[in-house]
Amino acid sequence: MARFVLLPGQRHDTIGVPPLIEGVAFGALLGDRAFDADWLRAELDARGAVAVIPPKTNRKGHFDFDREAYRWRHLIENFFAKLKEFRAIATRYDKTDTSFRASINLAAAIIASR
């Protein structure tokens, strides 16, 4: 199962996390430094999930994270790179969120069928 939330370009990605993890059971969340937020770490701890997120360089406290598991994040980055090979998605030709969402689903299906 894959889910995604379309966000305005000027908003931070962390606002899309609550609707994505709502009602989903998982053991770990892989994220980059941008997702190093206290509220997100508290939410993951409450769920019993592991935060595989490196701490920001300006964080006062230090959190350990599983560096081996974090290496798997490249698969996610590779998927986005493949998705951006589709010109209409990379340049966001679609005028409405609904048609853009449909284009992403179609491109993802094509990538999965390769």
N, C-alpha and C. Protein backbone atom coordinates (compact mmCIF):
# COMPACT_ATOMS: atom_id res chain seq x y z
N MET A 1 0.84 -1.17 0.00
CA MET A 1 0.00 0.00 0.00
C MET A 1 0.89 1.24 0.00
N ALA A 2 0.57 2.19 -0.82
CA ALA A 2 1.31 3.45 -0.88
C ALA A 2 0.31 4.60 -0.77
N ARG A 3 0.67 5.58 0.03
CA ARG A 3 -0.17 6.76 0.20
C ARG A 3 0.70 7.99 0.06
N PHE A 4 0.10 9.07 -0.40
CA PHE A 4 0.83 10.33 -0.47
C PHE A 4 -0.15 11.48 -0.28
N VAL A 5 0.38 12.60 0.14
CA VAL A 5 -0.40 13.81 0.35
C VAL A 5 0.25 14.92 -0.46
N LEU A 6 -0.56 15.63 -1.23
CA LEU A 6 -0.05 16.78 -1.97
C LEU A 6 -0.05 17.99 -1.05
N LEU A 7 1.09 18.67 -1.00
CA LEU A 7 1.23 19.84 -0.14
C LEU A 7 1.59 21.05 -0.99
N PRO A 8 1.22 22.25 -0.53
CA PRO A 8 1.68 23.44 -1.24
C PRO A 8 3.20 23.52 -1.20
N GLY A 9 3.80 24.07 -2.21
CA GLY A 9 5.25 24.12 -2.31
C GLY A 9 5.93 24.90 -1.20
N GLN A 10 5.22 25.85 -0.60
CA GLN A 10 5.84 26.67 0.43
C GLN A 10 5.68 26.09 1.83
N ARG A 11 5.03 24.96 2.00
CA ARG A 11 4.83 24.35 3.31
C ARG A 11 5.90 23.30 3.57
N HIS A 12 6.19 23.09 4.84
CA HIS A 12 7.19 22.09 5.23
C HIS A 12 6.59 20.69 5.13
N ASP A 13 7.38 19.72 4.77
CA ASP A 13 6.90 18.36 4.56
C ASP A 13 6.36 17.70 5.82
N THR A 14 6.77 18.15 6.98
CA THR A 14 6.33 17.48 8.21
C THR A 14 4.83 17.63 8.44
N ILE A 15 4.18 18.63 7.85
CA ILE A 15 2.73 18.74 8.04
C ILE A 15 1.97 17.63 7.35
N GLY A 16 2.60 16.95 6.40
CA GLY A 16 1.97 15.84 5.71
C GLY A 16 2.12 14.50 6.42
N VAL A 17 2.91 14.46 7.47
CA VAL A 17 3.16 13.18 8.16
C VAL A 17 1.92 12.67 8.91
N PRO A 18 1.22 13.48 9.74
CA PRO A 18 0.08 12.93 10.48
C PRO A 18 -0.98 12.24 9.62
N PRO A 19 -1.41 12.83 8.49
CA PRO A 19 -2.41 12.09 7.70
C PRO A 19 -1.86 10.82 7.06
N LEU A 20 -0.55 10.76 6.82
CA LEU A 20 0.02 9.57 6.20
C LEU A 20 0.16 8.40 7.18
N ILE A 21 0.46 8.69 8.44
CA ILE A 21 0.67 7.60 9.39
C ILE A 21 -0.59 7.25 10.17
N GLU A 22 -1.65 8.02 9.98
CA GLU A 22 -2.90 7.75 10.70
C GLU A 22 -3.47 6.40 10.29
N GLY A 23 -3.69 5.54 11.26
CA GLY A 23 -4.29 4.24 11.01
C GLY A 23 -3.37 3.22 10.37
N VAL A 24 -2.07 3.50 10.32
CA VAL A 24 -1.12 2.57 9.71
C VAL A 24 -0.18 2.05 10.80
N ALA A 25 -0.01 0.75 10.85
CA ALA A 25 0.92 0.15 11.81
C ALA A 25 2.27 -0.05 11.11
N PHE A 26 3.33 0.40 11.76
CA PHE A 26 4.67 0.25 11.22
C PHE A 26 5.67 0.22 12.36
N GLY A 27 6.85 -0.31 12.09
CA GLY A 27 7.86 -0.46 13.12
C GLY A 27 8.92 0.62 13.12
N ALA A 28 9.07 1.32 11.98
CA ALA A 28 10.10 2.35 11.88
C ALA A 28 9.69 3.38 10.83
N LEU A 29 10.18 4.58 11.00
CA LEU A 29 9.96 5.65 10.03
C LEU A 29 11.32 6.17 9.58
N LEU A 30 11.59 6.04 8.28
CA LEU A 30 12.83 6.55 7.71
C LEU A 30 12.60 7.97 7.24
N GLY A 31 13.45 8.88 7.64
CA GLY A 31 13.31 10.26 7.20
C GLY A 31 14.65 10.96 7.23
N ASP A 32 14.74 12.06 6.49
CA ASP A 32 15.98 12.81 6.51
C ASP A 32 15.95 13.82 7.66
N ARG A 33 16.96 14.65 7.75
CA ARG A 33 17.09 15.59 8.86
C ARG A 33 15.92 16.55 8.98
N ALA A 34 15.25 16.83 7.89
CA ALA A 34 14.11 17.74 7.92
C ALA A 34 12.98 17.22 8.81
N PHE A 35 12.92 15.92 9.01
CA PHE A 35 11.88 15.32 9.82
C PHE A 35 12.28 15.15 11.29
N ASP A 36 13.38 15.75 11.68
CA ASP A 36 13.83 15.70 13.07
C ASP A 36 13.06 16.75 13.87
N ALA A 37 11.86 16.38 14.30
CA ALA A 37 11.02 17.27 15.10
C ALA A 37 10.62 16.55 16.38
N ASP A 38 10.58 17.29 17.48
CA ASP A 38 10.25 16.69 18.77
C ASP A 38 8.87 16.05 18.76
N TRP A 39 7.88 16.73 18.16
CA TRP A 39 6.52 16.18 18.16
C TRP A 39 6.45 14.88 17.37
N LEU A 40 7.22 14.77 16.30
CA LEU A 40 7.22 13.55 15.50
C LEU A 40 7.90 12.41 16.25
N ARG A 41 9.00 12.72 16.91
CA ARG A 41 9.67 11.68 17.71
C ARG A 41 8.77 11.20 18.85
N ALA A 42 8.04 12.12 19.48
CA ALA A 42 7.12 11.75 20.56
C ALA A 42 5.99 10.87 20.03
N GLU A 43 5.46 11.21 18.87
CA GLU A 43 4.40 10.41 18.25
C GLU A 43 4.89 9.01 17.92
N LEU A 44 6.09 8.90 17.39
CA LEU A 44 6.63 7.58 17.06
C LEU A 44 6.89 6.76 18.31
N ASP A 45 7.41 7.41 19.36
CA ASP A 45 7.62 6.70 20.63
C ASP A 45 6.31 6.18 21.20
N ALA A 46 5.25 7.00 21.10
CA ALA A 46 3.95 6.59 21.62
C ALA A 46 3.40 5.39 20.83
N ARG A 47 3.72 5.29 19.58
CA ARG A 47 3.28 4.17 18.74
C ARG A 47 4.17 2.95 18.89
N GLY A 48 5.32 3.12 19.49
CA GLY A 48 6.26 2.01 19.60
C GLY A 48 7.10 1.84 18.35
N ALA A 49 7.15 2.87 17.52
CA ALA A 49 7.94 2.81 16.28
C ALA A 49 9.28 3.48 16.51
N VAL A 50 10.25 3.06 15.73
CA VAL A 50 11.61 3.59 15.82
C VAL A 50 11.75 4.74 14.82
N ALA A 51 12.34 5.83 15.27
CA ALA A 51 12.62 6.96 14.39
C ALA A 51 14.02 6.79 13.81
N VAL A 52 14.09 6.49 12.53
CA VAL A 52 15.38 6.37 11.85
C VAL A 52 15.62 7.69 11.13
N ILE A 53 15.90 8.70 11.94
CA ILE A 53 16.06 10.08 11.47
C ILE A 53 17.32 10.65 12.09
N PRO A 54 18.28 11.07 11.28
CA PRO A 54 19.47 11.67 11.87
C PRO A 54 19.13 13.02 12.51
N PRO A 55 19.76 13.36 13.62
CA PRO A 55 19.45 14.65 14.26
C PRO A 55 19.98 15.82 13.45
N LYS A 56 19.27 16.93 13.54
CA LYS A 56 19.74 18.15 12.88
C LYS A 56 21.05 18.59 13.53
N THR A 57 21.85 19.30 12.80
CA THR A 57 23.14 19.73 13.33
C THR A 57 22.99 20.78 14.42
N ASN A 58 21.88 21.52 14.43
CA ASN A 58 21.70 22.56 15.45
C ASN A 58 20.90 22.07 16.65
N ARG A 59 20.61 20.77 16.73
CA ARG A 59 19.84 20.23 17.86
C ARG A 59 20.73 20.20 19.10
N LYS A 60 20.16 20.61 20.23
CA LYS A 60 20.93 20.62 21.48
C LYS A 60 21.14 19.22 22.02
N GLY A 61 20.11 18.42 22.01
CA GLY A 61 20.25 17.03 22.44
C GLY A 61 20.66 16.17 21.26
N HIS A 62 21.20 15.00 21.53
CA HIS A 62 21.63 14.11 20.46
C HIS A 62 20.82 12.82 20.52
N PHE A 63 20.34 12.38 19.39
CA PHE A 63 19.61 11.12 19.30
C PHE A 63 20.42 10.15 18.47
N ASP A 64 20.49 8.93 18.92
CA ASP A 64 21.12 7.89 18.12
C ASP A 64 20.09 7.37 17.11
N PHE A 65 20.57 6.94 15.96
CA PHE A 65 19.69 6.35 14.96
C PHE A 65 20.43 5.21 14.28
N ASP A 66 19.68 4.30 13.73
CA ASP A 66 20.24 3.12 13.09
C ASP A 66 20.79 3.49 11.71
N ARG A 67 22.10 3.63 11.63
CA ARG A 67 22.73 4.04 10.37
C ARG A 67 22.56 3.00 9.27
N GLU A 68 22.53 1.73 9.63
CA GLU A 68 22.32 0.67 8.63
C GLU A 68 20.93 0.77 8.02
N ALA A 69 19.92 0.97 8.84
CA ALA A 69 18.56 1.11 8.33
C ALA A 69 18.42 2.39 7.51
N TYR A 70 19.10 3.45 7.91
CA TYR A 70 19.02 4.73 7.21
C TYR A 70 19.57 4.62 5.79
N ARG A 71 20.49 3.70 5.58
CA ARG A 71 21.05 3.51 4.24
C ARG A 71 19.99 3.06 3.23
N TRP A 72 18.92 2.43 3.70
CA TRP A 72 17.86 1.97 2.81
C TRP A 72 17.02 3.12 2.27
N ARG A 73 17.20 4.31 2.80
CA ARG A 73 16.45 5.47 2.34
C ARG A 73 16.73 5.79 0.88
N HIS A 74 17.85 5.33 0.36
CA HIS A 74 18.16 5.60 -1.03
C HIS A 74 17.13 4.99 -1.98
N LEU A 75 16.45 3.92 -1.56
CA LEU A 75 15.40 3.33 -2.40
C LEU A 75 14.25 4.31 -2.60
N ILE A 76 13.92 5.05 -1.57
CA ILE A 76 12.87 6.06 -1.67
C ILE A 76 13.31 7.17 -2.61
N GLU A 77 14.54 7.63 -2.43
CA GLU A 77 15.08 8.69 -3.29
C GLU A 77 15.14 8.23 -4.74
N ASN A 78 15.49 6.96 -4.97
CA ASN A 78 15.53 6.42 -6.33
C ASN A 78 14.15 6.41 -6.97
N PHE A 79 13.12 6.09 -6.17
CA PHE A 79 11.76 6.09 -6.70
C PHE A 79 11.36 7.50 -7.14
N PHE A 80 11.67 8.51 -6.32
CA PHE A 80 11.33 9.88 -6.71
C PHE A 80 12.10 10.31 -7.95
N ALA A 81 13.32 9.85 -8.09
CA ALA A 81 14.09 10.17 -9.30
C ALA A 81 13.43 9.53 -10.53
N LYS A 82 12.96 8.29 -10.40
CA LYS A 82 12.26 7.64 -11.51
C LYS A 82 10.94 8.34 -11.82
N LEU A 83 10.25 8.79 -10.78
CA LEU A 83 8.99 9.50 -10.96
C LEU A 83 9.20 10.82 -11.71
N LYS A 84 10.31 11.48 -11.43
CA LYS A 84 10.59 12.75 -12.07
C LYS A 84 11.10 12.60 -13.50
N GLU A 85 11.32 11.36 -13.95
CA GLU A 85 11.64 11.13 -15.35
C GLU A 85 10.45 11.43 -16.25
N PHE A 86 9.25 11.38 -15.67
CA PHE A 86 8.04 11.72 -16.40
C PHE A 86 7.91 13.25 -16.41
N ARG A 87 8.04 13.82 -17.59
CA ARG A 87 8.13 15.27 -17.71
C ARG A 87 6.91 15.98 -17.12
N ALA A 88 5.73 15.45 -17.33
CA ALA A 88 4.51 16.09 -16.83
C ALA A 88 4.49 16.16 -15.31
N ILE A 89 5.14 15.21 -14.66
CA ILE A 89 5.20 15.22 -13.20
C ILE A 89 6.29 16.15 -12.71
N ALA A 90 7.44 16.10 -13.36
CA ALA A 90 8.56 16.93 -12.93
C ALA A 90 8.24 18.42 -13.06
N THR A 91 7.47 18.79 -14.08
CA THR A 91 7.14 20.21 -14.29
C THR A 91 5.74 20.56 -13.84
N ARG A 92 5.00 19.60 -13.34
CA ARG A 92 3.63 19.75 -12.85
C ARG A 92 2.74 20.47 -13.87
N TYR A 93 2.54 19.79 -14.98
CA TYR A 93 1.68 20.33 -16.03
C TYR A 93 0.22 20.41 -15.61
N ASP A 94 -0.22 19.48 -14.79
CA ASP A 94 -1.64 19.40 -14.44
C ASP A 94 -2.08 20.62 -13.64
N LYS A 95 -3.27 21.10 -13.95
CA LYS A 95 -3.79 22.31 -13.30
C LYS A 95 -4.43 22.00 -11.94
N THR A 96 -5.04 20.83 -11.81
CA THR A 96 -5.75 20.51 -10.57
C THR A 96 -5.02 19.42 -9.79
N ASP A 97 -5.27 19.39 -8.49
CA ASP A 97 -4.67 18.36 -7.64
C ASP A 97 -5.14 16.97 -8.05
N THR A 98 -6.40 16.86 -8.45
CA THR A 98 -6.97 15.57 -8.82
C THR A 98 -6.25 14.98 -10.03
N SER A 99 -6.03 15.79 -11.06
CA SER A 99 -5.36 15.27 -12.25
C SER A 99 -3.87 15.01 -11.98
N PHE A 100 -3.25 15.83 -11.13
CA PHE A 100 -1.85 15.59 -10.77
C PHE A 100 -1.72 14.29 -9.98
N ARG A 101 -2.65 14.05 -9.06
CA ARG A 101 -2.66 12.80 -8.30
C ARG A 101 -2.82 11.60 -9.24
N ALA A 102 -3.70 11.73 -10.24
CA ALA A 102 -3.90 10.65 -11.21
C ALA A 102 -2.63 10.40 -12.02
N SER A 103 -1.93 11.47 -12.39
CA SER A 103 -0.67 11.32 -13.14
C SER A 103 0.38 10.61 -12.31
N ILE A 104 0.46 10.93 -11.03
CA ILE A 104 1.42 10.26 -10.15
C ILE A 104 1.08 8.78 -10.03
N ASN A 105 -0.19 8.46 -9.85
CA ASN A 105 -0.60 7.05 -9.75
C ASN A 105 -0.31 6.30 -11.04
N LEU A 106 -0.56 6.93 -12.18
CA LEU A 106 -0.28 6.28 -13.46
C LEU A 106 1.22 6.05 -13.64
N ALA A 107 2.02 7.06 -13.34
CA ALA A 107 3.49 6.92 -13.47
C ALA A 107 4.00 5.85 -12.51
N ALA A 108 3.48 5.80 -11.29
CA ALA A 108 3.91 4.78 -10.32
C ALA A 108 3.56 3.39 -10.81
N ALA A 109 2.40 3.24 -11.44
CA ALA A 109 2.01 1.93 -11.99
C ALA A 109 2.94 1.52 -13.12
N ILE A 110 3.33 2.50 -13.95
CA ILE A 110 4.26 2.19 -15.04
C ILE A 110 5.62 1.78 -14.48
N ILE A 111 6.09 2.49 -13.46
CA ILE A 111 7.38 2.16 -12.84
C ILE A 111 7.33 0.76 -12.22
N ALA A 112 6.23 0.45 -11.55
CA ALA A 112 6.10 -0.87 -10.91
C ALA A 112 6.02 -2.01 -11.93
N SER A 113 5.53 -1.72 -13.14
CA SER A 113 5.38 -2.77 -14.14
C SER A 113 6.67 -3.04 -14.90
N ARG A 114 7.67 -2.21 -14.75
CA ARG A 114 8.94 -2.39 -15.47
C ARG A 114 9.70 -3.58 -14.98
